[in-house]
Amino acid sequence: MRLNFSLFRHSRTMHQGNQSISKFFLLGLTVGSEQQKLIFMLFLCMYLVTMVGNLLIILAIINDAHLHSPMYFFLANLSFNDICFTTTTIPKMLADIPSQSPTISFAGCLTQMYFFMLLVDLDNFLLAAMAYDRYVAICHPLHYAALLNPKRCALLVVTPWVISNLVSILHLSLLSLLTICDQRKIPHFFCDLEPILRLACSDTQINDLTVLVAGGAVIFIPFTFIIVSYAIICCTVLGVTSAKGKWRTFSTCGSHLSAVALFYGSIVGVYFLPSSAYSAERDKVAAIIYTIVTPMMNPFIYSLRNKDMKGALRRLFSKKTFFWRWLALP
């Protein structure tokens, strides 16, 4: 944490011309007064569904001994990450909707960017870990317990935390060296790296190169691992003789593939199209998908298509119902 605090102290040297920067203006979701209540209620409901849905997934996995396996260990971590991920941006966005000039302090902007980049990178690694789990379960079922023992599962979660933290600190360290122009208006509903870089008057070549190399590696290495894992899985499934066996084997991957497609489709749409194709509106729509829609959909994707998870949720609700009935007794 000392490194993070020193970074924020150093960030005070970032200037707007000859003046220190104190705040930015967030213009991403500036709407008319007649639309404010509708937009506010829509995103509030989506946030609450995300929080409740992911919390239920975590409680069901903790509560049910049948789900104490590597697959659900990674899913519980993904749900926890999604809760933190949405909380990084949505509460601030909800508070800004009624405001005529939504602002965020410079320190608050850096803090939001740090946690946002940390958690979005963690999502990449957790999706890759879940792909590895499916690969081992389908292609090496006899060695599943050995290849995914508790120590290795913990390593597959802790290591991404370390890497994601270092990448986030690297981006913010380089950002703190830039000079911001007089224009402090961010056409977004949260502090993201790309809109901030577009406000800089100084040369951003090093920043752009870091986004391309470090950011690209953090996204494309896990994504490539997922693609390779499923290519091997497909080859294995095609070797199954019965059509029913093929479908049953591959259906265990359906939920994960749906989450991967939704997450990476929106990420690529924001960060890896050519700069000439940049559009603030497209950026905001894609950001809404992967910051709000994807974390909200994950509990549905992983519960509605999974018999074990549906059973665990039913047992969880049965226990809770019994608990409340017991409290109601005279």
C-alpha atoms as a PDB file:
ATOM      1  CA  MET A   1       0.000   0.000   0.000  1.00  0.00           C
ATOM      2  CA  ARG A   2       2.987   2.360   0.546  1.00  0.00           C
ATOM      3  CA  LEU A   3       3.617   2.343  -3.190  1.00  0.00           C
ATOM      4  CA  ASN A   4       0.015   3.328  -3.878  1.00  0.00           C
ATOM      5  CA  PHE A   5       0.109   6.219  -1.388  1.00  0.00           C
ATOM      6  CA  SER A   6       3.379   7.526  -2.831  1.00  0.00           C
ATOM      7  CA  LEU A   7       1.784   7.420  -6.269  1.00  0.00           C
ATOM      8  CA  PHE A   8      -1.118   9.596  -5.106  1.00  0.00           C
ATOM      9  CA  ARG A   9       1.257  12.055  -3.429  1.00  0.00           C
ATOM     10  CA  HIS A  10       3.282  12.234  -6.650  1.00  0.00           C
ATOM     11  CA  SER A  11       0.096  12.771  -8.668  1.00  0.00           C
ATOM     12  CA  ARG A  12      -0.273  16.231  -7.109  1.00  0.00           C
ATOM     13  CA  THR A  13       2.531  17.377  -9.417  1.00  0.00           C
ATOM     14  CA  MET A  14       0.281  16.856 -12.446  1.00  0.00           C
ATOM     15  CA  HIS A  15      -0.610  20.261 -13.816  1.00  0.00           C
ATOM     16  CA  GLN A  16      -3.074  21.983 -16.063  1.00  0.00           C
ATOM     17  CA  GLY A  17      -0.841  24.545 -17.695  1.00  0.00           C
ATOM     18  CA  ASN A  18       0.550  26.487 -14.728  1.00  0.00           C
ATOM     19  CA  GLN A  19      -2.213  25.481 -12.278  1.00  0.00           C
ATOM     20  CA  SER A  20      -2.679  22.334 -10.215  1.00  0.00           C
ATOM     21  CA  ILE A  21      -5.630  20.172 -11.189  1.00  0.00           C
ATOM     22  CA  SER A  22      -8.274  19.755  -8.487  1.00  0.00           C
ATOM     23  CA  LYS A  23     -11.138  18.102 -10.347  1.00  0.00           C
ATOM     24  CA  PHE A  24     -12.552  16.785 -13.622  1.00  0.00           C
ATOM     25  CA  PHE A  25     -16.048  17.136 -15.089  1.00  0.00           C
ATOM     26  CA  LEU A  26     -17.792  13.868 -16.017  1.00  0.00           C
ATOM     27  CA  LEU A  27     -20.177  14.388 -18.929  1.00  0.00           C
ATOM     28  CA  GLY A  28     -20.925  10.787 -19.835  1.00  0.00           C
ATOM     29  CA  LEU A  29     -24.535  10.534 -18.675  1.00  0.00           C
ATOM     30  CA  THR A  30     -25.759  14.116 -18.760  1.00  0.00           C
ATOM     31  CA  VAL A  31     -29.496  13.726 -19.462  1.00  0.00           C
ATOM     32  CA  GLY A  32     -32.542  15.962 -19.488  1.00  0.00           C
ATOM     33  CA  SER A  33     -34.550  16.468 -16.304  1.00  0.00           C
ATOM     34  CA  GLU A  34     -37.461  14.442 -17.705  1.00  0.00           C
ATOM     35  CA  GLN A  35     -35.178  11.441 -18.240  1.00  0.00           C
ATOM     36  CA  GLN A  36     -33.215  11.607 -14.995  1.00  0.00           C
ATOM     37  CA  LYS A  37     -35.630   9.572 -12.870  1.00  0.00           C
ATOM     38  CA  LEU A  38     -36.004   6.875 -15.531  1.00  0.00           C
ATOM     39  CA  ILE A  39     -32.253   6.539 -16.101  1.00  0.00           C
ATOM     40  CA  PHE A  40     -31.554   6.625 -12.371  1.00  0.00           C
ATOM     41  CA  MET A  41     -34.114   3.902 -11.578  1.00  0.00           C
ATOM     42  CA  LEU A  42     -32.938   1.746 -14.491  1.00  0.00           C
ATOM     43  CA  PHE A  43     -29.282   1.737 -13.419  1.00  0.00           C
ATOM     44  CA  LEU A  44     -30.163   1.481  -9.735  1.00  0.00           C
ATOM     45  CA  CYS A  45     -32.228  -1.647 -10.435  1.00  0.00           C
ATOM     46  CA  MET A  46     -29.430  -3.126 -12.553  1.00  0.00           C
ATOM     47  CA  TYR A  47     -26.916  -2.416  -9.775  1.00  0.00           C
ATOM     48  CA  LEU A  48     -29.121  -4.029  -7.121  1.00  0.00           C
ATOM     49  CA  VAL A  49     -29.728  -7.088  -9.318  1.00  0.00           C
ATOM     50  CA  THR A  50     -25.964  -7.373  -9.845  1.00  0.00           C
ATOM     51  CA  MET A  51     -25.221  -7.143  -6.128  1.00  0.00           C
ATOM     52  CA  VAL A  52     -27.964  -9.546  -5.024  1.00  0.00           C
ATOM     53  CA  GLY A  53     -27.359 -12.039  -7.855  1.00  0.00           C
ATOM     54  CA  ASN A  54     -23.610 -12.295  -7.313  1.00  0.00           C
ATOM     55  CA  LEU A  55     -23.994 -12.382  -3.529  1.00  0.00           C
ATOM     56  CA  LEU A  56     -26.445 -15.302  -3.844  1.00  0.00           C
ATOM     57  CA  ILE A  57     -23.944 -17.150  -6.046  1.00  0.00           C
ATOM     58  CA  ILE A  58     -21.244 -16.717  -3.383  1.00  0.00           C
ATOM     59  CA  LEU A  59     -23.562 -17.750  -0.516  1.00  0.00           C
ATOM     60  CA  ALA A  60     -24.822 -20.798  -2.433  1.00  0.00           C
ATOM     61  CA  ILE A  61     -21.258 -21.963  -3.118  1.00  0.00           C
ATOM     62  CA  ILE A  62     -20.170 -21.449   0.497  1.00  0.00           C
ATOM     63  CA  ASN A  63     -23.323 -23.084   1.857  1.00  0.00           C
ATOM     64  CA  ASP A  64     -23.380 -26.205  -0.358  1.00  0.00           C
ATOM     65  CA  ALA A  65     -20.644 -28.803   0.128  1.00  0.00           C
ATOM     66  CA  HIS A  66     -21.373 -30.226  -3.347  1.00  0.00           C
ATOM     67  CA  LEU A  67     -20.035 -26.989  -4.835  1.00  0.00           C
ATOM     68  CA  HIS A  68     -16.718 -27.018  -2.990  1.00  0.00           C
ATOM     69  CA  SER A  69     -14.747 -27.705  -6.147  1.00  0.00           C
ATOM     70  CA  PRO A  70     -12.267 -25.684  -8.265  1.00  0.00           C
ATOM     71  CA  MET A  71     -14.939 -24.732 -10.830  1.00  0.00           C
ATOM     72  CA  TYR A  72     -17.151 -23.074  -8.216  1.00  0.00           C
ATOM     73  CA  PHE A  73     -14.178 -21.657  -6.311  1.00  0.00           C
ATOM     74  CA  PHE A  74     -13.300 -19.648  -9.434  1.00  0.00           C
ATOM     75  CA  LEU A  75     -16.967 -18.737  -9.954  1.00  0.00           C
ATOM     76  CA  ALA A  76     -17.229 -17.403  -6.384  1.00  0.00           C
ATOM     77  CA  ASN A  77     -14.128 -15.272  -6.982  1.00  0.00           C
ATOM     78  CA  LEU A  78     -15.600 -14.001 -10.264  1.00  0.00           C
ATOM     79  CA  SER A  79     -18.839 -13.038  -8.488  1.00  0.00           C
ATOM     80  CA  PHE A  80     -16.922 -11.238  -5.738  1.00  0.00           C
ATOM     81  CA  ASN A  81     -14.866  -9.424  -8.375  1.00  0.00           C
ATOM     82  CA  ASP A  82     -18.041  -8.388 -10.226  1.00  0.00           C
ATOM     83  CA  ILE A  83     -19.500  -6.941  -7.008  1.00  0.00           C
ATOM     84  CA  CYS A  84     -16.359  -4.845  -6.475  1.00  0.00           C
ATOM     85  CA  PHE A  85     -16.168  -3.978 -10.185  1.00  0.00           C
ATOM     86  CA  THR A  86     -19.653  -2.476 -10.402  1.00  0.00           C
ATOM     87  CA  THR A  87     -19.247  -0.694  -7.052  1.00  0.00           C
ATOM     88  CA  THR A  88     -16.194   1.106  -8.448  1.00  0.00           C
ATOM     89  CA  THR A  89     -18.272   3.030 -11.013  1.00  0.00           C
ATOM     90  CA  ILE A  90     -22.046   2.701 -10.558  1.00  0.00           C
ATOM     91  CA  PRO A  91     -22.639   4.458  -7.175  1.00  0.00           C
ATOM     92  CA  LYS A  92     -20.701   7.511  -8.396  1.00  0.00           C
ATOM     93  CA  MET A  93     -22.618   7.439 -11.685  1.00  0.00           C
ATOM     94  CA  LEU A  94     -25.961   7.293  -9.837  1.00  0.00           C
ATOM     95  CA  ALA A  95     -24.934  10.239  -7.668  1.00  0.00           C
ATOM     96  CA  ASP A  96     -23.980  12.247 -10.781  1.00  0.00           C
ATOM     97  CA  ILE A  97     -27.205  11.704 -12.761  1.00  0.00           C
ATOM     98  CA  PRO A  98     -29.226  14.446 -10.969  1.00  0.00           C
ATOM     99  CA  SER A  99     -26.236  16.826 -10.993  1.00  0.00           C
ATOM    100  CA  GLN A 100     -26.062  19.602 -13.552  1.00  0.00           C
ATOM    101  CA  SER A 101     -22.237  19.585 -13.504  1.00  0.00           C
ATOM    102  CA  PRO A 102     -20.990  16.220 -12.209  1.00  0.00           C
ATOM    103  CA  THR A 103     -17.397  16.410 -10.993  1.00  0.00           C
ATOM    104  CA  ILE A 104     -14.782  14.127  -9.494  1.00  0.00           C
ATOM    105  CA  SER A 105     -11.659  15.181  -7.625  1.00  0.00           C
ATOM    106  CA  PHE A 106      -8.311  14.389  -9.196  1.00  0.00           C
ATOM    107  CA  ALA A 107      -7.398  12.005  -6.339  1.00  0.00           C
ATOM    108  CA  GLY A 108     -10.833  10.399  -6.655  1.00  0.00           C
ATOM    109  CA  CYS A 109     -10.325  10.013 -10.393  1.00  0.00           C
ATOM    110  CA  LEU A 110      -6.983   8.249  -9.889  1.00  0.00           C
ATOM    111  CA  THR A 111      -8.493   5.999  -7.211  1.00  0.00           C
ATOM    112  CA  GLN A 112     -11.386   5.032  -9.464  1.00  0.00           C
ATOM    113  CA  MET A 113      -9.040   4.321 -12.381  1.00  0.00           C
ATOM    114  CA  TYR A 114      -6.770   2.205 -10.184  1.00  0.00           C
ATOM    115  CA  PHE A 115      -9.543  -0.074  -8.944  1.00  0.00           C
ATOM    116  CA  PHE A 116     -11.266  -0.155 -12.319  1.00  0.00           C
ATOM    117  CA  MET A 117      -8.130  -1.316 -14.163  1.00  0.00           C
ATOM    118  CA  LEU A 118      -7.264  -3.750 -11.365  1.00  0.00           C
ATOM    119  CA  LEU A 119     -10.688  -5.411 -11.393  1.00  0.00           C
ATOM    120  CA  VAL A 120     -11.165  -5.518 -15.165  1.00  0.00           C
ATOM    121  CA  ASP A 121      -7.772  -7.232 -15.488  1.00  0.00           C
ATOM    122  CA  LEU A 122      -8.768  -9.692 -12.764  1.00  0.00           C
ATOM    123  CA  ASP A 123     -11.886 -10.594 -14.741  1.00  0.00           C
ATOM    124  CA  ASN A 124      -9.643 -11.582 -17.651  1.00  0.00           C
ATOM    125  CA  PHE A 125      -7.526 -13.890 -15.525  1.00  0.00           C
ATOM    126  CA  LEU A 126     -10.485 -15.451 -13.720  1.00  0.00           C
ATOM    127  CA  LEU A 127     -12.192 -16.262 -17.027  1.00  0.00           C
ATOM    128  CA  ALA A 128      -8.923 -17.880 -18.161  1.00  0.00           C
ATOM    129  CA  ALA A 129      -8.708 -19.885 -14.915  1.00  0.00           C
ATOM    130  CA  MET A 130     -12.265 -21.121 -15.474  1.00  0.00           C
ATOM    131  CA  ALA A 131     -11.338 -22.156 -19.028  1.00  0.00           C
ATOM    132  CA  TYR A 132      -8.383 -24.102 -17.617  1.00  0.00           C
ATOM    133  CA  ASP A 133     -10.742 -25.802 -15.173  1.00  0.00           C
ATOM    134  CA  ARG A 134     -13.015 -26.932 -18.051  1.00  0.00           C
ATOM    135  CA  TYR A 135      -9.984 -28.079 -20.068  1.00  0.00           C
ATOM    136  CA  VAL A 136      -8.676 -30.250 -17.228  1.00  0.00           C
ATOM    137  CA  ALA A 137     -12.151 -31.598 -16.366  1.00  0.00           C
ATOM    138  CA  ILE A 138     -12.882 -32.672 -19.966  1.00  0.00           C
ATOM    139  CA  CYS A 139      -9.446 -33.554 -21.347  1.00  0.00           C
ATOM    140  CA  HIS A 140      -7.747 -34.932 -18.207  1.00  0.00           C
ATOM    141  CA  PRO A 141     -10.565 -36.020 -15.868  1.00  0.00           C
ATOM    142  CA  LEU A 142      -8.442 -38.647 -14.084  1.00  0.00           C
ATOM    143  CA  HIS A 143      -5.860 -36.016 -13.115  1.00  0.00           C
ATOM    144  CA  TYR A 144      -8.392 -33.303 -12.199  1.00  0.00           C
ATOM    145  CA  ALA A 145      -7.822 -33.464  -8.431  1.00  0.00           C
ATOM    146  CA  ALA A 146      -4.039 -33.404  -8.834  1.00  0.00           C
ATOM    147  CA  LEU A 147      -3.863 -30.643 -11.463  1.00  0.00           C
ATOM    148  CA  LEU A 148      -6.338 -28.406  -9.629  1.00  0.00           C
ATOM    149  CA  ASN A 149      -5.455 -29.015  -6.006  1.00  0.00           C
ATOM    150  CA  PRO A 150      -6.260 -26.266  -3.450  1.00  0.00           C
ATOM    151  CA  LYS A 151      -2.727 -24.841  -3.569  1.00  0.00           C
ATOM    152  CA  ARG A 152      -2.793 -24.465  -7.367  1.00  0.00           C
ATOM    153  CA  CYS A 153      -6.302 -22.962  -7.295  1.00  0.00           C
ATOM    154  CA  ALA A 154      -5.153 -20.365  -4.752  1.00  0.00           C
ATOM    155  CA  LEU A 155      -2.129 -19.606  -6.928  1.00  0.00           C
ATOM    156  CA  LEU A 156      -4.390 -19.086  -9.965  1.00  0.00           C
ATOM    157  CA  VAL A 157      -6.265 -16.410  -7.998  1.00  0.00           C
ATOM    158  CA  VAL A 158      -3.459 -14.722  -6.032  1.00  0.00           C
ATOM    159  CA  THR A 159      -1.049 -14.358  -8.981  1.00  0.00           C
ATOM    160  CA  PRO A 160      -3.560 -12.355 -11.091  1.00  0.00           C
ATOM    161  CA  TRP A 161      -4.087 -10.011  -8.123  1.00  0.00           C
ATOM    162  CA  VAL A 162      -0.355  -9.263  -8.043  1.00  0.00           C
ATOM    163  CA  ILE A 163      -0.030  -8.834 -11.828  1.00  0.00           C
ATOM    164  CA  SER A 164      -3.161  -6.669 -12.120  1.00  0.00           C
ATOM    165  CA  ASN A 165      -2.010  -4.473  -9.242  1.00  0.00           C
ATOM    166  CA  LEU A 166       1.396  -3.887 -10.861  1.00  0.00           C
ATOM    167  CA  VAL A 167      -0.154  -3.077 -14.255  1.00  0.00           C
ATOM    168  CA  SER A 168      -2.587  -0.576 -12.694  1.00  0.00           C
ATOM    169  CA  ILE A 169       0.213   1.155 -10.780  1.00  0.00           C
ATOM    170  CA  LEU A 170       2.310   1.325 -13.952  1.00  0.00           C
ATOM    171  CA  HIS A 171      -0.483   3.066 -15.899  1.00  0.00           C
ATOM    172  CA  LEU A 172      -1.153   5.578 -13.113  1.00  0.00           C
ATOM    173  CA  SER A 173       2.559   6.303 -12.596  1.00  0.00           C
ATOM    174  CA  LEU A 174       2.946   7.215 -16.261  1.00  0.00           C
ATOM    175  CA  LEU A 175      -0.302   9.189 -16.232  1.00  0.00           C
ATOM    176  CA  SER A 176       0.871  11.337 -13.313  1.00  0.00           C
ATOM    177  CA  LEU A 177       3.792  12.601 -15.457  1.00  0.00           C
ATOM    178  CA  LEU A 178       1.513  14.154 -18.103  1.00  0.00           C
ATOM    179  CA  THR A 179       0.357  17.742 -18.400  1.00  0.00           C
ATOM    180  CA  ILE A 180      -3.397  18.188 -18.835  1.00  0.00           C
ATOM    181  CA  CYS A 181      -4.769  20.880 -21.174  1.00  0.00           C
ATOM    182  CA  ASP A 182      -7.295  23.512 -20.155  1.00  0.00           C
ATOM    183  CA  GLN A 183     -10.089  21.168 -21.219  1.00  0.00           C
ATOM    184  CA  ARG A 184     -10.968  19.052 -18.163  1.00  0.00           C
ATOM    185  CA  LYS A 185     -14.246  17.626 -19.441  1.00  0.00           C
ATOM    186  CA  ILE A 186     -14.322  13.819 -19.666  1.00  0.00           C
ATOM    187  CA  PRO A 187     -16.987  12.533 -22.102  1.00  0.00           C
ATOM    188  CA  HIS A 188     -17.582   9.463 -19.945  1.00  0.00           C
ATOM    189  CA  PHE A 189     -19.458   8.456 -16.790  1.00  0.00           C
ATOM    190  CA  PHE A 190     -16.293   7.379 -14.953  1.00  0.00           C
ATOM    191  CA  CYS A 191     -12.543   8.015 -15.081  1.00  0.00           C
ATOM    192  CA  ASP A 192     -11.132   5.681 -17.712  1.00  0.00           C
ATOM    193  CA  LEU A 193      -7.603   5.742 -19.071  1.00  0.00           C
ATOM    194  CA  GLU A 194      -8.378   6.457 -22.737  1.00  0.00           C
ATOM    195  CA  PRO A 195     -10.525   9.608 -22.169  1.00  0.00           C
ATOM    196  CA  ILE A 196      -7.945  10.985 -19.697  1.00  0.00           C
ATOM    197  CA  LEU A 197      -5.085  10.499 -22.163  1.00  0.00           C
ATOM    198  CA  ARG A 198      -7.049  12.508 -24.730  1.00  0.00           C
ATOM    199  CA  LEU A 199      -6.959  15.517 -22.371  1.00  0.00           C
ATOM    200  CA  ALA A 200      -3.145  15.593 -22.266  1.00  0.00           C
ATOM    201  CA  CYS A 201      -1.124  18.372 -23.906  1.00  0.00           C
ATOM    202  CA  SER A 202       2.183  16.555 -23.435  1.00  0.00           C
ATOM    203  CA  ASP A 203       3.386  13.584 -25.468  1.00  0.00           C
ATOM    204  CA  THR A 204       1.472  10.373 -24.665  1.00  0.00           C
ATOM    205  CA  GLN A 205       3.510   7.980 -26.808  1.00  0.00           C
ATOM    206  CA  ILE A 206       4.888   6.122 -23.778  1.00  0.00           C
ATOM    207  CA  ASN A 207       1.388   5.861 -22.304  1.00  0.00           C
ATOM    208  CA  ASP A 208      -0.053   4.618 -25.585  1.00  0.00           C
ATOM    209  CA  LEU A 209       2.754   2.077 -25.934  1.00  0.00           C
ATOM    210  CA  THR A 210       2.156   0.877 -22.364  1.00  0.00           C
ATOM    211  CA  VAL A 211      -1.571   0.468 -23.065  1.00  0.00           C
ATOM    212  CA  LEU A 212      -0.745  -1.488 -26.201  1.00  0.00           C
ATOM    213  CA  VAL A 213       1.928  -3.723 -24.654  1.00  0.00           C
ATOM    214  CA  ALA A 214       0.991  -4.153 -20.980  1.00  0.00           C
ATOM    215  CA  GLY A 215      -2.757  -3.710 -21.399  1.00  0.00           C
ATOM    216  CA  GLY A 216      -2.791  -5.840 -24.534  1.00  0.00           C
ATOM    217  CA  ALA A 217      -0.828  -8.608 -22.836  1.00  0.00           C
ATOM    218  CA  VAL A 218      -3.147  -8.649 -19.822  1.00  0.00           C
ATOM    219  CA  ILE A 219      -6.158  -9.019 -22.126  1.00  0.00           C
ATOM    220  CA  PHE A 220      -4.905 -11.078 -25.051  1.00  0.00           C
ATOM    221  CA  ILE A 221      -2.776 -13.624 -23.175  1.00  0.00           C
ATOM    222  CA  PRO A 222      -5.742 -14.864 -21.075  1.00  0.00           C
ATOM    223  CA  PHE A 223      -8.007 -14.606 -24.136  1.00  0.00           C
ATOM    224  CA  THR A 224      -5.571 -16.644 -26.242  1.00  0.00           C
ATOM    225  CA  PHE A 225      -5.362 -19.193 -23.434  1.00  0.00           C
ATOM    226  CA  ILE A 226      -9.162 -19.454 -23.439  1.00  0.00           C
ATOM    227  CA  ILE A 227      -9.262 -19.944 -27.231  1.00  0.00           C
ATOM    228  CA  VAL A 228      -6.548 -22.627 -27.136  1.00  0.00           C
ATOM    229  CA  SER A 229      -8.244 -24.395 -24.207  1.00  0.00           C
ATOM    230  CA  TYR A 230     -11.554 -24.575 -26.043  1.00  0.00           C
ATOM    231  CA  ALA A 231      -9.885 -25.660 -29.283  1.00  0.00           C
ATOM    232  CA  ILE A 232      -8.430 -28.657 -27.415  1.00  0.00           C
ATOM    233  CA  ILE A 233     -11.781 -29.235 -25.693  1.00  0.00           C
ATOM    234  CA  CYS A 234     -13.543 -29.275 -29.079  1.00  0.00           C
ATOM    235  CA  CYS A 235     -11.079 -31.854 -30.417  1.00  0.00           C
ATOM    236  CA  THR A 236     -11.680 -34.011 -27.343  1.00  0.00           C
ATOM    237  CA  VAL A 237     -15.467 -33.686 -27.561  1.00  0.00           C
ATOM    238  CA  LEU A 238     -15.438 -34.619 -31.257  1.00  0.00           C
ATOM    239  CA  GLY A 239     -13.761 -37.875 -30.236  1.00  0.00           C
ATOM    240  CA  VAL A 240     -16.769 -38.860 -28.132  1.00  0.00           C
ATOM    241  CA  THR A 241     -18.752 -41.491 -30.015  1.00  0.00           C
ATOM    242  CA  SER A 242     -22.335 -40.756 -28.926  1.00  0.00           C
ATOM    243  CA  ALA A 243     -24.067 -37.536 -29.916  1.00  0.00           C
ATOM    244  CA  LYS A 244     -25.694 -37.336 -26.488  1.00  0.00           C
ATOM    245  CA  GLY A 245     -22.284 -37.659 -24.843  1.00  0.00           C
ATOM    246  CA  LYS A 246     -20.875 -34.880 -27.022  1.00  0.00           C
ATOM    247  CA  TRP A 247     -23.714 -32.537 -26.143  1.00  0.00           C
ATOM    248  CA  ARG A 248     -23.581 -33.316 -22.425  1.00  0.00           C
ATOM    249  CA  THR A 249     -19.809 -32.808 -22.317  1.00  0.00           C
ATOM    250  CA  PHE A 250     -19.801 -29.548 -24.245  1.00  0.00           C
ATOM    251  CA  SER A 251     -22.901 -28.150 -22.498  1.00  0.00           C
ATOM    252  CA  THR A 252     -20.838 -27.767 -19.309  1.00  0.00           C
ATOM    253  CA  CYS A 253     -18.877 -25.055 -21.149  1.00  0.00           C
ATOM    254  CA  GLY A 254     -21.879 -23.123 -22.469  1.00  0.00           C
ATOM    255  CA  SER A 255     -22.205 -20.741 -19.509  1.00  0.00           C
ATOM    256  CA  HIS A 256     -18.536 -19.847 -19.530  1.00  0.00           C
ATOM    257  CA  LEU A 257     -18.472 -19.289 -23.300  1.00  0.00           C
ATOM    258  CA  SER A 258     -21.473 -16.942 -23.032  1.00  0.00           C
ATOM    259  CA  ALA A 259     -19.731 -14.861 -20.344  1.00  0.00           C
ATOM    260  CA  VAL A 260     -16.490 -14.786 -22.360  1.00  0.00           C
ATOM    261  CA  ALA A 261     -18.246 -13.601 -25.538  1.00  0.00           C
ATOM    262  CA  LEU A 262     -20.117 -10.831 -23.713  1.00  0.00           C
ATOM    263  CA  PHE A 263     -17.061  -9.592 -21.806  1.00  0.00           C
ATOM    264  CA  TYR A 264     -14.418  -9.673 -24.546  1.00  0.00           C
ATOM    265  CA  GLY A 265     -16.734  -8.388 -27.261  1.00  0.00           C
ATOM    266  CA  SER A 266     -17.293  -5.123 -25.388  1.00  0.00           C
ATOM    267  CA  ILE A 267     -13.639  -4.830 -24.245  1.00  0.00           C
ATOM    268  CA  VAL A 268     -12.308  -5.091 -27.800  1.00  0.00           C
ATOM    269  CA  GLY A 269     -14.906  -2.564 -28.935  1.00  0.00           C
ATOM    270  CA  VAL A 270     -13.508   0.030 -26.507  1.00  0.00           C
ATOM    271  CA  TYR A 271      -9.754  -0.466 -26.375  1.00  0.00           C
ATOM    272  CA  PHE A 272      -8.551  -2.201 -29.501  1.00  0.00           C
ATOM    273  CA  LEU A 273     -10.215  -0.533 -32.463  1.00  0.00           C
ATOM    274  CA  PRO A 274      -8.065   1.997 -34.383  1.00  0.00           C
ATOM    275  CA  SER A 275      -7.810   5.480 -32.861  1.00  0.00           C
ATOM    276  CA  SER A 276      -9.393   6.924 -36.003  1.00  0.00           C
ATOM    277  CA  ALA A 277     -12.510   4.876 -35.239  1.00  0.00           C
ATOM    278  CA  TYR A 278     -12.797   6.279 -31.702  1.00  0.00           C
ATOM    279  CA  SER A 279     -16.268   7.448 -30.752  1.00  0.00           C
ATOM    280  CA  ALA A 280     -17.217   8.731 -27.299  1.00  0.00           C
ATOM    281  CA  GLU A 281     -20.768   7.422 -27.715  1.00  0.00           C
ATOM    282  CA  ARG A 282     -19.592   3.961 -28.819  1.00  0.00           C
ATOM    283  CA  ASP A 283     -17.122   3.966 -25.931  1.00  0.00           C
ATOM    284  CA  LYS A 284     -19.894   4.711 -23.416  1.00  0.00           C
ATOM    285  CA  VAL A 285     -22.235   2.044 -24.792  1.00  0.00           C
ATOM    286  CA  ALA A 286     -19.512  -0.613 -24.724  1.00  0.00           C
ATOM    287  CA  ALA A 287     -18.462   0.492 -21.218  1.00  0.00           C
ATOM    288  CA  ILE A 288     -22.046   0.140 -19.986  1.00  0.00           C
ATOM    289  CA  ILE A 289     -22.092  -3.408 -21.361  1.00  0.00           C
ATOM    290  CA  TYR A 290     -18.961  -4.611 -19.585  1.00  0.00           C
ATOM    291  CA  THR A 291     -19.306  -2.522 -16.389  1.00  0.00           C
ATOM    292  CA  ILE A 292     -23.057  -3.018 -15.792  1.00  0.00           C
ATOM    293  CA  VAL A 293     -24.660  -5.566 -18.115  1.00  0.00           C
ATOM    294  CA  THR A 294     -21.996  -8.299 -17.980  1.00  0.00           C
ATOM    295  CA  PRO A 295     -21.687  -8.414 -14.148  1.00  0.00           C
ATOM    296  CA  MET A 296     -25.500  -8.396 -13.939  1.00  0.00           C
ATOM    297  CA  MET A 297     -25.891 -11.233 -16.458  1.00  0.00           C
ATOM    298  CA  ASN A 298     -23.191 -13.513 -15.022  1.00  0.00           C
ATOM    299  CA  PRO A 299     -25.348 -14.830 -12.126  1.00  0.00           C
ATOM    300  CA  PHE A 300     -28.136 -15.685 -14.587  1.00  0.00           C
ATOM    301  CA  ILE A 301     -25.741 -17.256 -17.075  1.00  0.00           C
ATOM    302  CA  TYR A 302     -24.101 -19.477 -14.463  1.00  0.00           C
ATOM    303  CA  SER A 303     -27.262 -20.408 -12.526  1.00  0.00           C
ATOM    304  CA  LEU A 304     -29.966 -20.924 -15.176  1.00  0.00           C
ATOM    305  CA  ARG A 305     -27.792 -23.296 -17.236  1.00  0.00           C
ATOM    306  CA  ASN A 306     -26.346 -25.192 -14.268  1.00  0.00           C
ATOM    307  CA  LYS A 307     -28.373 -27.852 -12.442  1.00  0.00           C
ATOM    308  CA  ASP A 308     -25.980 -28.009  -9.495  1.00  0.00           C
ATOM    309  CA  MET A 309     -26.144 -24.251  -8.991  1.00  0.00           C
ATOM    310  CA  LYS A 310     -29.950 -24.197  -9.265  1.00  0.00           C
ATOM    311  CA  GLY A 311     -30.143 -26.971  -6.680  1.00  0.00           C
ATOM    312  CA  ALA A 312     -27.757 -25.114  -4.356  1.00  0.00           C
ATOM    313  CA  LEU A 313     -29.826 -21.926  -4.646  1.00  0.00           C
ATOM    314  CA  ARG A 314     -33.030 -23.847  -3.847  1.00  0.00           C
ATOM    315  CA  ARG A 315     -31.392 -25.349  -0.758  1.00  0.00           C
ATOM    316  CA  LEU A 316     -30.095 -21.924   0.250  1.00  0.00           C
ATOM    317  CA  PHE A 317     -33.567 -20.374  -0.009  1.00  0.00           C
ATOM    318  CA  SER A 318     -35.071 -23.311   1.891  1.00  0.00           C
ATOM    319  CA  LYS A 319     -32.668 -22.731   4.775  1.00  0.00           C
ATOM    320  CA  LYS A 320     -33.344 -19.012   4.789  1.00  0.00           C
ATOM    321  CA  THR A 321     -37.098 -19.567   4.702  1.00  0.00           C
ATOM    322  CA  PHE A 322     -36.832 -21.999   7.585  1.00  0.00           C
ATOM    323  CA  PHE A 323     -34.695 -19.490   9.514  1.00  0.00           C
ATOM    324  CA  TRP A 324     -37.214 -16.674   9.129  1.00  0.00           C
ATOM    325  CA  ARG A 325     -40.109 -18.961  10.074  1.00  0.00           C
ATOM    326  CA  TRP A 326     -38.221 -19.983  13.199  1.00  0.00           C
ATOM    327  CA  LEU A 327     -37.712 -16.307  14.151  1.00  0.00           C
ATOM    328  CA  ALA A 328     -41.431 -15.662  13.652  1.00  0.00           C
ATOM    329  CA  LEU A 329     -42.433 -18.314  16.221  1.00  0.00           C
ATOM    330  CA  PRO A 330     -43.925 -16.871  19.456  1.00  0.00           C
END
